[in-house]
Amino acid sequence: MKLTNKQGAILRQLGLNIKRARLRRKQTMEAVSTAAGISVPTLRSIEKGDPNTSMGAYFLALFILGLEKDLAR
């Protein structure tokens, strides 16, 4: 998937925000991925801002970390 530079930067920032939230909560990738029902490699892709990872997977990670309201802004 080809994104503009701005779109890619936004997605990478979202991934970084998810990673920071996980680390602030002292949660492992394994714990978050299990709770979200996704694999560790998928969570790793989310935290990198991979545009090929489904929006549903991003939502699950956000929900588990209590950040789902961020999508509504």
C-alpha atoms as a PDB file:
ATOM      1  CA  MET A   1       0.000   0.000   0.000  1.00  0.00           C
ATOM      2  CA  LYS A   2       1.374   3.387  -0.993  1.00  0.00           C
ATOM      3  CA  LEU A   3       0.832   6.241   1.446  1.00  0.00           C
ATOM      4  CA  THR A   4       1.818   9.862   1.198  1.00  0.00           C
ATOM      5  CA  ASN A   5       4.612  10.987   3.505  1.00  0.00           C
ATOM      6  CA  LYS A   6       2.077  12.703   5.750  1.00  0.00           C
ATOM      7  CA  GLN A   7      -0.172   9.637   5.926  1.00  0.00           C
ATOM      8  CA  GLY A   8       2.783   7.393   6.718  1.00  0.00           C
ATOM      9  CA  ALA A   9       3.954   9.761   9.448  1.00  0.00           C
ATOM     10  CA  ILE A  10       0.503   9.749  11.062  1.00  0.00           C
ATOM     11  CA  LEU A  11       0.347   5.961  11.023  1.00  0.00           C
ATOM     12  CA  ARG A  12       3.866   5.666  12.457  1.00  0.00           C
ATOM     13  CA  GLN A  13       2.898   8.122  15.209  1.00  0.00           C
ATOM     14  CA  LEU A  14      -0.184   6.036  16.026  1.00  0.00           C
ATOM     15  CA  GLY A  15       2.010   2.949  16.283  1.00  0.00           C
ATOM     16  CA  LEU A  16       4.471   4.765  18.510  1.00  0.00           C
ATOM     17  CA  ASN A  17       1.621   5.982  20.738  1.00  0.00           C
ATOM     18  CA  ILE A  18       0.397   2.396  21.095  1.00  0.00           C
ATOM     19  CA  LYS A  19       3.889   1.197  21.983  1.00  0.00           C
ATOM     20  CA  ARG A  20       4.399   3.980  24.519  1.00  0.00           C
ATOM     21  CA  ALA A  21       1.029   3.215  26.130  1.00  0.00           C
ATOM     22  CA  ARG A  22       1.952  -0.462  26.399  1.00  0.00           C
ATOM     23  CA  LEU A  23       5.307   0.336  27.963  1.00  0.00           C
ATOM     24  CA  ARG A  24       3.804   2.875  30.399  1.00  0.00           C
ATOM     25  CA  ARG A  25       1.445   0.127  31.551  1.00  0.00           C
ATOM     26  CA  LYS A  26       4.415  -2.243  31.875  1.00  0.00           C
ATOM     27  CA  GLN A  27       2.696  -4.748  29.599  1.00  0.00           C
ATOM     28  CA  THR A  28       4.639  -7.217  27.478  1.00  0.00           C
ATOM     29  CA  MET A  29       3.944  -7.675  23.802  1.00  0.00           C
ATOM     30  CA  GLU A  30       2.811 -11.197  24.627  1.00  0.00           C
ATOM     31  CA  ALA A  31       0.282 -10.009  27.224  1.00  0.00           C
ATOM     32  CA  VAL A  32      -1.226  -7.321  24.988  1.00  0.00           C
ATOM     33  CA  SER A  33      -1.339  -9.512  21.895  1.00  0.00           C
ATOM     34  CA  THR A  34      -2.995 -12.354  23.825  1.00  0.00           C
ATOM     35  CA  ALA A  35      -5.579 -10.003  25.359  1.00  0.00           C
ATOM     36  CA  ALA A  36      -6.280  -8.473  21.951  1.00  0.00           C
ATOM     37  CA  GLY A  37      -6.471 -11.829  20.188  1.00  0.00           C
ATOM     38  CA  ILE A  38      -3.702 -10.966  17.746  1.00  0.00           C
ATOM     39  CA  SER A  39      -0.224 -12.384  17.259  1.00  0.00           C
ATOM     40  CA  VAL A  40       2.970 -10.826  18.582  1.00  0.00           C
ATOM     41  CA  PRO A  41       4.187 -10.185  15.003  1.00  0.00           C
ATOM     42  CA  THR A  42       0.925  -8.334  14.293  1.00  0.00           C
ATOM     43  CA  LEU A  43       1.375  -6.180  17.397  1.00  0.00           C
ATOM     44  CA  ARG A  44       4.969  -5.522  16.344  1.00  0.00           C
ATOM     45  CA  SER A  45       3.669  -4.367  12.941  1.00  0.00           C
ATOM     46  CA  ILE A  46       1.114  -2.116  14.640  1.00  0.00           C
ATOM     47  CA  GLU A  47       3.786  -0.522  16.813  1.00  0.00           C
ATOM     48  CA  LYS A  48       5.840   0.180  13.675  1.00  0.00           C
ATOM     49  CA  GLY A  49       2.845   1.791  11.956  1.00  0.00           C
ATOM     50  CA  ASP A  50       2.661  -0.804   9.179  1.00  0.00           C
ATOM     51  CA  PRO A  51      -0.046   0.266   6.692  1.00  0.00           C
ATOM     52  CA  ASN A  52      -0.641  -3.357   5.675  1.00  0.00           C
ATOM     53  CA  THR A  53      -1.929  -4.304   9.130  1.00  0.00           C
ATOM     54  CA  SER A  54      -5.715  -4.277   9.387  1.00  0.00           C
ATOM     55  CA  MET A  55      -7.563  -1.413  11.012  1.00  0.00           C
ATOM     56  CA  GLY A  56      -9.329  -4.015  13.137  1.00  0.00           C
ATOM     57  CA  ALA A  57      -6.019  -5.127  14.625  1.00  0.00           C
ATOM     58  CA  TYR A  58      -5.108  -1.512  15.380  1.00  0.00           C
ATOM     59  CA  PHE A  59      -8.501  -1.080  17.098  1.00  0.00           C
ATOM     60  CA  LEU A  60      -8.039  -4.218  19.205  1.00  0.00           C
ATOM     61  CA  ALA A  61      -4.654  -2.996  20.437  1.00  0.00           C
ATOM     62  CA  LEU A  62      -6.067   0.450  21.195  1.00  0.00           C
ATOM     63  CA  PHE A  63      -9.033  -1.078  23.038  1.00  0.00           C
ATOM     64  CA  ILE A  64      -6.889  -3.351  25.216  1.00  0.00           C
ATOM     65  CA  LEU A  65      -4.762  -0.353  26.189  1.00  0.00           C
ATOM     66  CA  GLY A  66      -7.814   1.826  26.881  1.00  0.00           C
ATOM     67  CA  LEU A  67      -7.090   4.172  23.975  1.00  0.00           C
ATOM     68  CA  GLU A  68     -10.080   3.436  21.745  1.00  0.00           C
ATOM     69  CA  LYS A  69     -11.499   6.930  22.331  1.00  0.00           C
ATOM     70  CA  ASP A  70      -8.465   8.309  20.499  1.00  0.00           C
ATOM     71  CA  LEU A  71      -9.995   7.049  17.242  1.00  0.00           C
ATOM     72  CA  ALA A  72     -13.119   9.137  17.720  1.00  0.00           C
ATOM     73  CA  ARG A  73     -11.177  12.404  17.914  1.00  0.00           C
END
